[in-house]
N, C-alpha and C. Protein backbone atom coordinates (compact mmCIF):
# COMPACT_ATOMS: atom_id res chain seq x y z
N MET A 1 -34.00 17.46 -0.64
CA MET A 1 -32.90 16.65 -0.67
C MET A 1 -32.79 15.38 -1.41
N SER A 2 -31.74 15.29 -2.32
CA SER A 2 -31.74 14.11 -3.16
C SER A 2 -31.51 13.09 -2.50
N ASP A 3 -31.20 11.87 -3.16
CA ASP A 3 -30.54 10.51 -2.63
C ASP A 3 -29.46 10.30 -2.00
N GLN A 4 -28.60 11.08 -2.76
CA GLN A 4 -27.20 11.45 -2.40
C GLN A 4 -26.97 12.02 -1.10
N ASP A 5 -27.65 12.84 -0.98
CA ASP A 5 -27.50 13.47 0.49
C ASP A 5 -27.69 12.34 1.50
N ASP A 6 -28.74 11.63 1.33
CA ASP A 6 -29.22 10.89 2.62
C ASP A 6 -28.12 9.68 2.63
N VAL A 7 -27.03 9.34 1.86
CA VAL A 7 -26.19 8.20 1.53
C VAL A 7 -25.43 8.45 2.98
N GLU A 8 -25.12 7.51 4.03
CA GLU A 8 -24.26 7.69 5.20
C GLU A 8 -23.14 6.73 4.66
N ILE A 9 -22.19 6.90 5.41
CA ILE A 9 -20.63 6.33 5.29
C ILE A 9 -21.10 4.74 5.86
N GLY A 10 -20.32 3.93 5.31
CA GLY A 10 -20.49 2.52 6.06
C GLY A 10 -19.73 2.53 7.21
N TYR A 11 -20.64 1.52 7.91
CA TYR A 11 -19.96 1.07 9.23
C TYR A 11 -18.45 0.45 9.25
N PHE A 12 -18.17 -0.10 8.03
CA PHE A 12 -17.05 -0.66 7.56
C PHE A 12 -16.85 -0.38 6.07
N PHE A 13 -15.47 -0.38 5.67
CA PHE A 13 -15.15 0.06 4.47
C PHE A 13 -15.49 -1.05 3.70
N THR A 14 -16.45 -1.29 2.71
CA THR A 14 -16.53 -2.49 1.72
C THR A 14 -16.53 -2.04 0.30
N ALA A 15 -16.26 -3.33 -0.50
CA ALA A 15 -16.63 -3.10 -2.01
C ALA A 15 -17.17 -4.34 -2.20
N SER A 16 -17.90 -4.41 -3.82
CA SER A 16 -18.67 -5.41 -4.02
C SER A 16 -17.25 -6.40 -3.97
N SER A 17 -17.71 -7.91 -4.25
CA SER A 17 -16.58 -8.63 -4.22
C SER A 17 -15.66 -8.81 -5.19
N THR A 18 -16.81 -8.48 -6.54
CA THR A 18 -16.03 -8.20 -7.86
C THR A 18 -14.91 -7.24 -8.01
N LYS A 19 -15.47 -6.01 -7.33
CA LYS A 19 -14.52 -4.81 -7.35
C LYS A 19 -13.03 -5.00 -6.66
N LEU A 20 -13.87 -5.75 -5.64
CA LEU A 20 -12.32 -5.88 -4.50
C LEU A 20 -11.32 -6.86 -5.40
N VAL A 21 -11.95 -8.03 -5.85
CA VAL A 21 -11.02 -8.83 -6.63
C VAL A 21 -10.26 -8.24 -7.66
N ILE A 22 -11.05 -7.78 -8.53
CA ILE A 22 -10.46 -7.13 -9.71
C ILE A 22 -9.25 -6.00 -9.22
N MET A 23 -9.41 -5.15 -8.22
CA MET A 23 -8.68 -3.86 -8.07
C MET A 23 -7.58 -4.41 -6.89
N SER A 24 -7.73 -5.61 -6.44
CA SER A 24 -6.63 -6.36 -5.95
C SER A 24 -5.56 -6.76 -6.77
N LEU A 25 -6.27 -7.65 -7.91
CA LEU A 25 -5.35 -8.00 -8.81
C LEU A 25 -4.73 -6.89 -9.83
N PHE A 26 -5.21 -6.09 -10.10
CA PHE A 26 -4.59 -5.17 -11.05
C PHE A 26 -3.87 -4.10 -10.33
N THR A 27 -4.04 -3.65 -8.94
CA THR A 27 -3.04 -3.06 -8.50
C THR A 27 -2.03 -3.93 -7.39
N LEU A 28 -1.95 -5.17 -7.95
CA LEU A 28 -0.94 -6.00 -7.35
C LEU A 28 -0.74 -6.29 -5.64
N GLY A 29 -2.09 -6.31 -5.50
CA GLY A 29 -2.11 -6.39 -4.05
C GLY A 29 -2.28 -4.96 -2.98
N TRP A 30 -2.18 -4.10 -3.60
CA TRP A 30 -2.07 -2.66 -3.18
C TRP A 30 -3.62 -2.28 -2.37
N TYR A 31 -4.35 -2.52 -3.22
CA TYR A 31 -5.88 -2.37 -3.15
C TYR A 31 -6.33 -3.20 -1.70
N VAL A 32 -5.94 -4.17 -1.29
CA VAL A 32 -6.03 -4.76 -0.02
C VAL A 32 -5.43 -4.35 1.20
N LEU A 33 -4.17 -3.50 1.11
CA LEU A 33 -3.71 -2.72 2.01
C LEU A 33 -4.65 -1.46 2.00
N TYR A 34 -5.16 -0.84 0.78
CA TYR A 34 -6.18 0.05 1.17
C TYR A 34 -7.58 -0.22 1.72
N TRP A 35 -7.83 -1.33 1.78
CA TRP A 35 -9.05 -1.81 2.21
C TRP A 35 -8.61 -1.80 3.50
N PHE A 36 -7.54 -2.28 4.08
CA PHE A 36 -7.31 -2.38 5.40
C PHE A 36 -7.28 -0.94 6.21
N TYR A 37 -6.32 -0.07 5.68
CA TYR A 37 -6.52 1.24 6.22
C TYR A 37 -7.82 2.19 5.94
N GLN A 38 -8.82 1.95 5.42
CA GLN A 38 -10.03 2.22 4.94
C GLN A 38 -10.92 1.88 6.25
N ASN A 39 -10.94 0.63 6.63
CA ASN A 39 -11.42 -0.19 7.66
C ASN A 39 -11.09 0.44 9.06
N TRP A 40 -9.56 0.80 9.19
CA TRP A 40 -9.20 1.04 10.63
C TRP A 40 -9.57 2.88 10.38
N HIS A 41 -9.54 3.32 9.39
CA HIS A 41 -10.09 4.76 9.35
C HIS A 41 -11.34 4.73 9.77
N PHE A 42 -12.44 4.21 9.40
CA PHE A 42 -13.69 4.14 9.75
C PHE A 42 -14.00 3.55 11.25
N ILE A 43 -13.21 2.63 11.59
CA ILE A 43 -13.30 2.17 12.84
C ILE A 43 -12.94 3.55 13.95
N SER A 44 -11.68 4.21 13.78
CA SER A 44 -11.34 5.21 14.38
C SER A 44 -12.25 6.64 14.36
N LEU A 45 -13.25 6.51 13.06
CA LEU A 45 -14.30 7.48 13.38
C LEU A 45 -15.51 7.48 14.14
N ARG A 46 -15.51 6.26 14.47
CA ARG A 46 -16.84 5.59 15.39
C ARG A 46 -16.60 5.55 16.71
N SER A 47 -15.27 5.43 17.02
CA SER A 47 -15.15 5.29 17.93
C SER A 47 -13.92 6.34 19.08
N SER A 48 -14.37 6.37 20.39
CA SER A 48 -13.59 7.11 20.89
C SER A 48 -11.42 6.78 21.00
N ARG A 49 -11.40 5.71 20.81
CA ARG A 49 -9.94 5.11 20.96
C ARG A 49 -9.12 6.29 19.67
N SER A 50 -7.84 6.34 20.32
CA SER A 50 -6.89 6.85 19.48
C SER A 50 -6.21 5.90 18.41
N ILE A 51 -6.78 5.57 17.05
CA ILE A 51 -6.13 4.76 16.11
C ILE A 51 -5.34 5.35 15.18
N SER A 52 -4.28 4.86 15.04
CA SER A 52 -3.75 5.01 13.36
C SER A 52 -3.81 4.39 12.57
N PRO A 53 -4.53 4.71 11.39
CA PRO A 53 -4.99 3.72 10.33
C PRO A 53 -3.52 3.40 9.77
N LEU A 54 -2.93 4.67 9.50
CA LEU A 54 -1.33 4.39 8.74
C LEU A 54 -0.84 3.22 9.59
N TRP A 55 -0.55 3.14 10.78
CA TRP A 55 0.25 2.19 11.15
C TRP A 55 -0.18 0.77 11.30
N ARG A 56 -1.57 1.19 11.55
CA ARG A 56 -2.10 -0.60 11.75
C ARG A 56 -2.06 -1.12 10.30
N THR A 57 -1.76 -0.19 9.09
CA THR A 57 -1.76 -0.79 7.83
C THR A 57 -0.58 -1.39 7.40
N VAL A 58 0.52 -0.40 8.11
CA VAL A 58 1.71 -0.99 8.03
C VAL A 58 2.38 -1.89 8.46
N PHE A 59 1.90 -2.14 9.66
CA PHE A 59 2.37 -3.51 10.37
C PHE A 59 0.82 -4.23 10.61
N ASN A 60 -0.02 -4.26 9.25
CA ASN A 60 -0.81 -5.11 9.29
C ASN A 60 -1.17 -6.47 9.78
N ILE A 61 0.06 -7.12 9.72
CA ILE A 61 0.07 -8.57 10.15
C ILE A 61 -0.16 -8.82 11.71
N PHE A 62 -0.39 -7.55 12.31
CA PHE A 62 -0.41 -7.38 13.55
C PHE A 62 -1.98 -7.14 14.01
N TRP A 63 -2.44 -6.71 12.97
CA TRP A 63 -3.67 -6.40 13.25
C TRP A 63 -5.19 -6.56 12.40
N ILE A 64 -4.33 -7.55 11.71
CA ILE A 64 -5.44 -8.78 10.74
C ILE A 64 -6.27 -9.19 11.63
N TYR A 65 -6.05 -9.75 12.79
CA TYR A 65 -6.81 -10.58 13.71
C TYR A 65 -7.86 -9.76 14.39
N PRO A 66 -7.39 -8.63 15.18
CA PRO A 66 -8.29 -7.52 15.64
C PRO A 66 -9.23 -7.05 14.77
N LEU A 67 -9.05 -6.71 13.57
CA LEU A 67 -10.04 -6.16 12.68
C LEU A 67 -11.00 -7.07 12.17
N PHE A 68 -10.58 -8.59 11.68
CA PHE A 68 -11.54 -9.59 11.66
C PHE A 68 -12.34 -9.75 12.91
N SER A 69 -11.69 -9.87 13.92
CA SER A 69 -12.70 -10.14 15.11
C SER A 69 -13.72 -8.91 15.34
N GLN A 70 -13.38 -7.62 14.91
CA GLN A 70 -14.16 -6.41 15.00
C GLN A 70 -15.44 -6.91 14.08
N ILE A 71 -15.06 -7.00 12.95
CA ILE A 71 -16.28 -7.31 11.89
C ILE A 71 -16.98 -8.58 12.58
N ALA A 72 -16.57 -9.66 13.02
CA ALA A 72 -17.26 -10.71 13.48
C ALA A 72 -18.12 -10.28 14.70
N THR A 73 -17.46 -9.48 15.52
CA THR A 73 -18.35 -8.70 17.01
C THR A 73 -19.37 -8.35 16.39
N GLU A 74 -19.45 -7.09 15.42
CA GLU A 74 -20.44 -6.42 14.76
C GLU A 74 -21.59 -7.31 13.81
N ALA A 75 -20.86 -8.32 13.14
CA ALA A 75 -21.75 -9.62 12.64
C ALA A 75 -22.75 -9.89 13.30
N LYS A 76 -22.38 -10.46 14.43
CA LYS A 76 -22.96 -11.14 15.59
C LYS A 76 -23.95 -10.33 15.99
N ALA A 77 -23.84 -8.93 16.40
CA ALA A 77 -24.56 -8.28 17.13
C ALA A 77 -25.97 -7.60 16.26
N CYS A 78 -25.53 -7.52 14.86
CA CYS A 78 -26.37 -7.57 13.88
C CYS A 78 -27.18 -8.74 13.37
N GLY A 79 -27.14 -9.95 14.27
CA GLY A 79 -27.89 -11.04 13.82
C GLY A 79 -27.18 -11.64 12.47
N ILE A 80 -26.51 -11.42 12.14
CA ILE A 80 -25.73 -11.86 10.76
C ILE A 80 -25.28 -13.39 11.12
N ALA A 81 -25.60 -14.59 10.66
CA ALA A 81 -25.15 -15.75 10.69
C ALA A 81 -23.62 -16.14 9.76
N VAL A 82 -22.60 -16.03 11.14
CA VAL A 82 -21.48 -16.24 10.56
C VAL A 82 -20.91 -17.23 11.51
N ARG A 83 -20.37 -18.38 10.65
CA ARG A 83 -20.17 -19.81 11.85
C ARG A 83 -18.82 -19.11 12.88
N ARG A 84 -19.30 -19.59 14.04
CA ARG A 84 -18.52 -18.90 15.07
C ARG A 84 -16.84 -19.40 14.88
N GLY A 85 -16.31 -18.58 15.12
CA GLY A 85 -14.83 -18.66 14.77
C GLY A 85 -14.17 -18.44 13.71
N LEU A 86 -15.17 -18.45 12.41
CA LEU A 86 -14.63 -18.31 11.09
C LEU A 86 -13.68 -17.28 10.81
N LEU A 87 -14.08 -15.92 11.32
CA LEU A 87 -13.35 -14.65 10.44
C LEU A 87 -12.06 -15.05 11.43
N GLN A 88 -11.98 -15.24 12.84
CA GLN A 88 -10.93 -15.31 13.58
C GLN A 88 -9.72 -16.77 12.97
N PHE A 89 -10.73 -17.70 12.35
CA PHE A 89 -9.69 -18.55 11.72
C PHE A 89 -9.04 -18.04 10.37
N LEU A 90 -9.81 -17.32 9.76
CA LEU A 90 -9.51 -16.86 8.27
C LEU A 90 -8.65 -15.54 8.78
N ALA A 91 -8.46 -15.01 9.89
CA ALA A 91 -7.48 -13.97 10.19
C ALA A 91 -6.11 -14.75 10.61
N ALA A 92 -6.05 -15.95 11.19
CA ALA A 92 -5.02 -16.66 11.39
C ALA A 92 -4.09 -17.05 10.31
N LEU A 93 -4.98 -17.39 9.49
CA LEU A 93 -4.77 -18.27 7.99
C LEU A 93 -3.89 -16.98 7.21
N LEU A 94 -4.83 -15.94 6.92
CA LEU A 94 -3.96 -14.78 6.41
C LEU A 94 -2.64 -14.13 6.64
N ILE A 95 -2.80 -14.73 8.18
CA ILE A 95 -1.54 -13.78 8.80
C ILE A 95 -0.29 -14.90 8.21
N LEU A 96 -0.60 -16.27 8.14
CA LEU A 96 0.37 -17.13 7.65
C LEU A 96 0.28 -17.01 6.38
N ASP A 97 -0.67 -16.78 5.40
CA ASP A 97 -0.39 -16.44 4.23
C ASP A 97 0.59 -14.93 3.66
N GLU A 98 0.33 -14.28 4.86
CA GLU A 98 1.21 -13.00 4.37
C GLU A 98 2.66 -13.36 4.70
N ILE A 99 2.89 -14.46 5.89
CA ILE A 99 4.22 -14.61 6.14
C ILE A 99 5.01 -15.36 4.68
N ALA A 100 3.98 -16.51 4.26
CA ALA A 100 4.38 -17.21 3.03
C ALA A 100 4.76 -16.34 1.90
N VAL A 101 3.82 -15.05 1.59
CA VAL A 101 4.08 -14.46 0.47
C VAL A 101 5.41 -13.53 0.78
N SER A 102 5.57 -13.18 1.80
CA SER A 102 6.62 -12.21 2.48
C SER A 102 8.16 -13.24 2.18
N ILE A 103 8.18 -14.49 2.53
CA ILE A 103 9.05 -15.48 2.17
C ILE A 103 9.29 -15.44 0.93
N GLY A 104 8.36 -15.61 0.08
CA GLY A 104 8.29 -16.13 -1.33
C GLY A 104 9.01 -14.64 -2.08
N ARG A 105 8.85 -13.46 -1.88
CA ARG A 105 9.33 -12.17 -1.81
C ARG A 105 10.80 -12.15 -1.99
N ALA A 106 10.86 -12.43 -0.64
CA ALA A 106 12.30 -12.29 -0.09
C ALA A 106 13.33 -13.43 -0.80
N SER A 107 12.65 -14.72 -1.56
CA SER A 107 13.65 -15.61 -1.93
C SER A 107 14.10 -15.41 -3.16
N ARG A 108 15.05 -15.76 -3.51
CA ARG A 108 15.82 -15.51 -5.03
C ARG A 108 15.37 -16.23 -5.97
N GLU A 109 14.67 -17.40 -5.57
CA GLU A 109 14.17 -18.43 -6.78
C GLU A 109 13.29 -17.83 -7.80
N GLU A 110 13.87 -18.54 -8.89
CA GLU A 110 13.17 -18.00 -10.01
C GLU A 110 12.40 -18.91 -11.04
N ASP A 111 12.22 -20.26 -10.34
CA ASP A 111 11.88 -21.35 -11.19
C ASP A 111 10.20 -21.04 -11.09
N ALA A 112 9.72 -22.13 -12.26
CA ALA A 112 8.46 -22.13 -12.38
C ALA A 112 7.46 -22.41 -11.15
N ALA A 113 7.98 -23.18 -10.39
CA ALA A 113 7.23 -23.79 -9.08
C ALA A 113 7.15 -22.78 -8.17
N ALA A 114 8.16 -22.04 -8.02
CA ALA A 114 8.24 -20.73 -6.92
C ALA A 114 7.22 -19.68 -7.05
N THR A 115 6.90 -19.55 -8.23
CA THR A 115 6.39 -18.44 -9.27
C THR A 115 4.97 -18.87 -8.76
N ILE A 116 4.60 -19.88 -9.21
CA ILE A 116 3.23 -20.63 -8.69
C ILE A 116 2.81 -20.64 -7.58
N ALA A 117 3.87 -20.92 -6.65
CA ALA A 117 3.34 -20.75 -5.34
C ALA A 117 3.23 -19.67 -4.76
N PHE A 118 3.75 -18.52 -5.14
CA PHE A 118 3.53 -16.93 -4.92
C PHE A 118 2.05 -16.40 -5.45
N ILE A 119 2.20 -17.01 -6.12
CA ILE A 119 0.91 -16.42 -7.09
C ILE A 119 -0.26 -17.22 -6.55
N ALA A 120 -0.27 -18.39 -6.03
CA ALA A 120 -1.27 -19.07 -5.24
C ALA A 120 -1.73 -18.86 -3.96
N PHE A 121 -0.45 -18.24 -3.12
CA PHE A 121 -0.63 -17.86 -1.85
C PHE A 121 -1.15 -16.56 -1.83
N SER A 122 -0.72 -15.55 -3.05
CA SER A 122 -1.42 -14.23 -3.32
C SER A 122 -2.82 -14.15 -3.30
N MET A 123 -3.27 -15.22 -4.47
CA MET A 123 -4.88 -15.51 -4.26
C MET A 123 -5.48 -15.88 -3.32
N ILE A 124 -4.82 -16.82 -2.73
CA ILE A 124 -5.60 -16.96 -1.35
C ILE A 124 -5.83 -15.86 -0.14
N GLY A 125 -4.81 -14.94 -0.16
CA GLY A 125 -5.14 -13.99 0.72
C GLY A 125 -6.34 -13.02 0.05
N ILE A 126 -6.18 -12.84 -1.35
CA ILE A 126 -7.13 -12.17 -1.73
C ILE A 126 -8.65 -12.61 -1.35
N ALA A 127 -8.55 -13.71 -1.65
CA ALA A 127 -9.89 -14.82 -1.07
C ALA A 127 -10.34 -14.47 0.03
N ILE A 128 -9.44 -14.51 1.39
CA ILE A 128 -9.39 -14.71 2.34
C ILE A 128 -10.12 -13.10 2.74
N VAL A 129 -9.47 -11.71 2.47
CA VAL A 129 -10.10 -10.65 2.36
C VAL A 129 -11.45 -10.42 1.70
N ALA A 130 -11.50 -11.34 0.39
CA ALA A 130 -13.43 -10.97 0.03
C ALA A 130 -14.11 -11.63 1.12
N ILE A 131 -13.56 -12.53 1.59
CA ILE A 131 -14.81 -13.25 2.65
C ILE A 131 -15.14 -12.56 3.75
N ALA A 132 -14.04 -11.58 4.28
CA ALA A 132 -14.15 -10.71 5.31
C ALA A 132 -14.98 -9.23 5.04
N ASN A 133 -14.59 -8.96 3.79
CA ASN A 133 -15.48 -8.08 3.16
C ASN A 133 -16.98 -8.37 2.99
N ARG A 134 -17.15 -9.32 2.56
CA ARG A 134 -18.66 -9.69 2.30
C ARG A 134 -19.65 -9.71 3.60
N VAL A 135 -18.76 -10.14 4.96
CA VAL A 135 -19.37 -10.02 5.96
C VAL A 135 -19.92 -8.73 6.49
N ALA A 136 -18.18 -7.80 6.21
CA ALA A 136 -18.35 -6.32 6.57
C ALA A 136 -19.58 -5.58 5.70
N LEU A 137 -19.63 -6.07 4.66
CA LEU A 137 -20.72 -5.62 3.91
C LEU A 137 -21.90 -5.62 4.16
N ASN A 138 -22.05 -6.77 4.70
CA ASN A 138 -23.85 -7.54 5.39
C ASN A 138 -24.12 -6.43 6.57
N VAL A 139 -22.61 -5.79 7.56
CA VAL A 139 -22.92 -5.35 8.42
C VAL A 139 -23.48 -3.93 7.94
N ASN A 140 -22.69 -3.42 7.21
CA ASN A 140 -23.24 -2.28 6.29
C ASN A 140 -24.50 -1.92 6.01
N LEU A 141 -25.16 -3.14 5.41
CA LEU A 141 -26.26 -3.33 4.82
C LEU A 141 -27.58 -3.26 5.80
N ARG A 142 -26.91 -3.86 7.02
CA ARG A 142 -28.11 -3.98 8.55
C ARG A 142 -27.77 -2.57 9.23
N ARG A 143 -26.75 -2.05 9.30
CA ARG A 143 -26.45 -1.12 10.06
C ARG A 143 -26.85 0.54 9.69
N VAL A 144 -26.61 0.37 8.26
CA VAL A 144 -26.52 1.74 7.80
C VAL A 144 -27.82 2.19 6.78
N HIS A 145 -28.75 2.72 7.23
CA HIS A 145 -29.57 3.25 6.44
C HIS A 145 -29.27 3.84 5.39
N ASN A 146 -29.79 3.47 4.12
CA ASN A 146 -29.65 4.10 2.56
C ASN A 146 -27.92 3.90 2.34
N TYR A 147 -27.48 2.64 2.54
CA TYR A 147 -26.12 2.39 2.55
C TYR A 147 -25.68 2.66 1.06
N SER A 148 -24.58 3.11 0.48
CA SER A 148 -24.26 3.13 -0.81
C SER A 148 -23.20 2.18 -1.19
N TYR A 149 -23.77 1.15 -1.70
CA TYR A 149 -23.05 0.01 -2.31
C TYR A 149 -22.04 0.17 -2.80
N ASN A 150 -20.53 -0.06 -2.63
CA ASN A 150 -19.35 0.50 -3.39
C ASN A 150 -19.08 -0.61 -4.45
N MET A 151 -19.79 -0.40 -5.68
CA MET A 151 -19.44 -1.35 -6.53
C MET A 151 -18.98 -0.51 -8.21
N LYS A 152 -19.25 0.69 -7.85
CA LYS A 152 -18.45 1.15 -9.40
C LYS A 152 -17.05 1.42 -9.29
N PHE A 153 -16.76 1.45 -10.52
CA PHE A 153 -14.96 1.76 -10.62
C PHE A 153 -15.38 3.38 -10.86
N THR A 154 -14.36 3.55 -10.09
CA THR A 154 -13.90 5.36 -10.31
C THR A 154 -13.21 5.47 -11.15
N ARG A 155 -12.72 6.82 -11.54
CA ARG A 155 -11.85 7.01 -12.50
C ARG A 155 -10.40 6.54 -12.20
N VAL A 156 -10.12 7.07 -10.63
CA VAL A 156 -8.94 6.42 -9.88
C VAL A 156 -8.80 4.91 -10.27
N ASN A 157 -9.61 3.95 -10.00
CA ASN A 157 -9.88 2.63 -10.12
C ASN A 157 -9.29 2.33 -11.72
N VAL A 158 -10.01 3.00 -12.52
CA VAL A 158 -9.50 2.58 -13.89
C VAL A 158 -8.52 3.03 -14.17
N GLY A 159 -7.54 4.55 -13.64
CA GLY A 159 -6.36 4.77 -14.08
C GLY A 159 -5.62 3.70 -13.05
N TRP A 160 -5.91 2.85 -12.30
CA TRP A 160 -4.71 2.15 -11.69
C TRP A 160 -4.85 0.97 -12.30
N ILE A 161 -5.96 0.43 -12.94
CA ILE A 161 -5.71 -0.84 -13.92
C ILE A 161 -5.10 -0.43 -15.24
N GLY A 162 -5.35 0.76 -15.65
CA GLY A 162 -4.49 1.04 -16.84
C GLY A 162 -3.26 1.36 -16.76
N PHE A 163 -2.65 1.71 -15.66
CA PHE A 163 -1.50 2.07 -15.40
C PHE A 163 -0.83 0.60 -15.22
N VAL A 164 -1.19 -0.16 -14.41
CA VAL A 164 -0.61 -1.84 -14.31
C VAL A 164 -0.78 -2.71 -15.52
N VAL A 165 -1.69 -2.42 -16.18
CA VAL A 165 -1.81 -2.96 -17.75
C VAL A 165 -0.67 -2.38 -18.57
N LEU A 166 -0.21 -1.29 -18.19
CA LEU A 166 0.74 -0.52 -19.27
C LEU A 166 2.09 -1.05 -18.88
N ILE A 167 2.26 -1.42 -17.42
CA ILE A 167 3.42 -1.65 -17.16
C ILE A 167 3.57 -3.26 -17.69
N LEU A 168 2.91 -3.85 -17.13
CA LEU A 168 2.86 -5.17 -17.62
C LEU A 168 3.16 -5.48 -19.20
N VAL A 169 2.19 -4.77 -19.87
CA VAL A 169 2.61 -4.99 -21.32
C VAL A 169 3.89 -4.20 -21.74
N SER A 170 4.42 -3.39 -20.95
CA SER A 170 5.88 -2.52 -21.46
C SER A 170 6.65 -3.65 -21.23
N GLY A 171 6.39 -4.10 -19.77
CA GLY A 171 7.41 -5.50 -19.14
C GLY A 171 7.68 -6.43 -20.47
N THR A 172 6.34 -7.15 -20.82
CA THR A 172 6.25 -8.05 -21.95
C THR A 172 6.97 -7.69 -23.21
N VAL A 173 6.76 -6.41 -23.52
CA VAL A 173 7.33 -5.75 -24.90
C VAL A 173 8.97 -6.31 -24.83
N LEU A 174 9.43 -5.23 -23.30
CA LEU A 174 10.81 -5.43 -23.26
C LEU A 174 11.49 -6.93 -23.24
N ILE A 175 11.05 -7.82 -22.67
CA ILE A 175 11.57 -9.14 -22.20
C ILE A 175 11.53 -9.71 -23.69
N ALA A 176 10.45 -9.32 -24.56
CA ALA A 176 10.32 -10.13 -26.22
C ALA A 176 11.41 -9.72 -26.92
N LEU A 177 11.78 -8.18 -26.73
CA LEU A 177 12.79 -7.61 -27.71
C LEU A 177 14.04 -8.05 -27.10
N ASP A 178 14.24 -8.26 -25.85
CA ASP A 178 15.68 -8.61 -25.48
C ASP A 178 16.08 -9.81 -25.79
N ASN A 179 14.97 -11.09 -25.71
CA ASN A 179 15.24 -12.62 -26.05
C ASN A 179 15.35 -12.26 -27.77
N GLY A 180 14.61 -11.36 -28.41
CA GLY A 180 15.07 -11.20 -30.04
C GLY A 180 16.50 -10.94 -30.22
N HIS A 181 16.76 -9.93 -29.55
CA HIS A 181 18.08 -9.29 -29.75
C HIS A 181 19.36 -10.57 -29.15
N ARG A 182 19.09 -11.21 -28.63
CA ARG A 182 19.93 -12.45 -28.13
C ARG A 182 20.03 -13.42 -28.99
N GLY A 183 19.05 -13.42 -30.16
CA GLY A 183 19.05 -14.68 -30.94
C GLY A 183 18.03 -15.72 -30.49
N GLY A 184 17.25 -15.30 -29.72
CA GLY A 184 16.32 -16.48 -28.93
C GLY A 184 16.94 -17.51 -28.19
N ALA A 185 15.92 -18.31 -27.89
CA ALA A 185 16.56 -19.13 -26.55
C ALA A 185 17.06 -20.11 -27.21
N THR A 186 18.19 -20.58 -26.37
CA THR A 186 19.14 -21.48 -26.48
C THR A 186 18.81 -23.02 -26.24
N ALA A 187 19.41 -24.35 -26.66
CA ALA A 187 18.75 -25.34 -26.49
C ALA A 187 19.73 -25.41 -25.27
N PRO A 188 18.95 -26.52 -24.38
CA PRO A 188 19.89 -27.03 -22.84
C PRO A 188 20.81 -27.58 -23.51
N SER A 189 21.78 -27.98 -22.70
CA SER A 189 22.79 -28.46 -23.04
C SER A 189 22.53 -30.01 -23.18
N SER A 190 21.71 -30.40 -22.53
CA SER A 190 21.61 -31.99 -22.74
C SER A 190 21.13 -32.27 -24.44
N TYR A 191 20.71 -31.13 -25.25
CA TYR A 191 20.24 -31.55 -26.32
C TYR A 191 21.01 -31.20 -27.21
N ARG A 192 22.43 -30.56 -26.62
CA ARG A 192 23.69 -30.21 -27.81
C ARG A 192 24.42 -31.53 -27.71
N ASN A 193 24.61 -32.63 -26.86
CA ASN A 193 25.28 -33.56 -26.78
C ASN A 193 24.50 -34.86 -27.86
N ILE A 194 23.46 -34.50 -28.38
CA ILE A 194 22.71 -35.61 -29.09
C ILE A 194 23.46 -35.78 -30.43
N ARG A 195 24.02 -36.78 -30.86
CA ARG A 195 24.40 -37.02 -32.27
C ARG A 195 23.17 -36.98 -33.43
N GLN A 196 23.59 -36.17 -34.46
CA GLN A 196 22.59 -36.01 -35.66
C GLN A 196 23.17 -37.08 -36.55
N PRO A 197 22.10 -38.25 -37.02
CA PRO A 197 22.51 -38.86 -38.32
C PRO A 197 23.18 -38.07 -39.43
């Protein structure tokens, strides 16, 4: 029997912090939803409760707190030192962050400040999930014999990264071509009123 045969499934779905952040960025946040789905799937496999991972992911704003609380409970049971209430606080913060990102998506403003705020709130959400993921990873390392550390980028991971890069590059090229077709940017009206000597 090889080492591969001895590898057990994790108590929670986890990835290395690097992989989680890179995949979250390059899938434009979809990997975070995948992370939530897989964690509810893992919980449903080891519990006797009837859990729908799909619906808990679709309505994840209502299920962030219970998932983070479950991770905190398991961490405490394993003797992992996590500041009391930290994950629950982060869950509440992530819920507020999700609301802010949703409002940002719904707003029609296209100014630089709105874009920067949207990106900042998205990064905060990824950072919060990365902290919860790290605690869950420590639970896996303590509870699961011969746990296989999920840090390698699979072909599917690389495919997603390539797809998003292709879309971003294509969009950038199309915008550049469109600006070139229009004759470049025009000067603001305040500059047109200046008299030249």
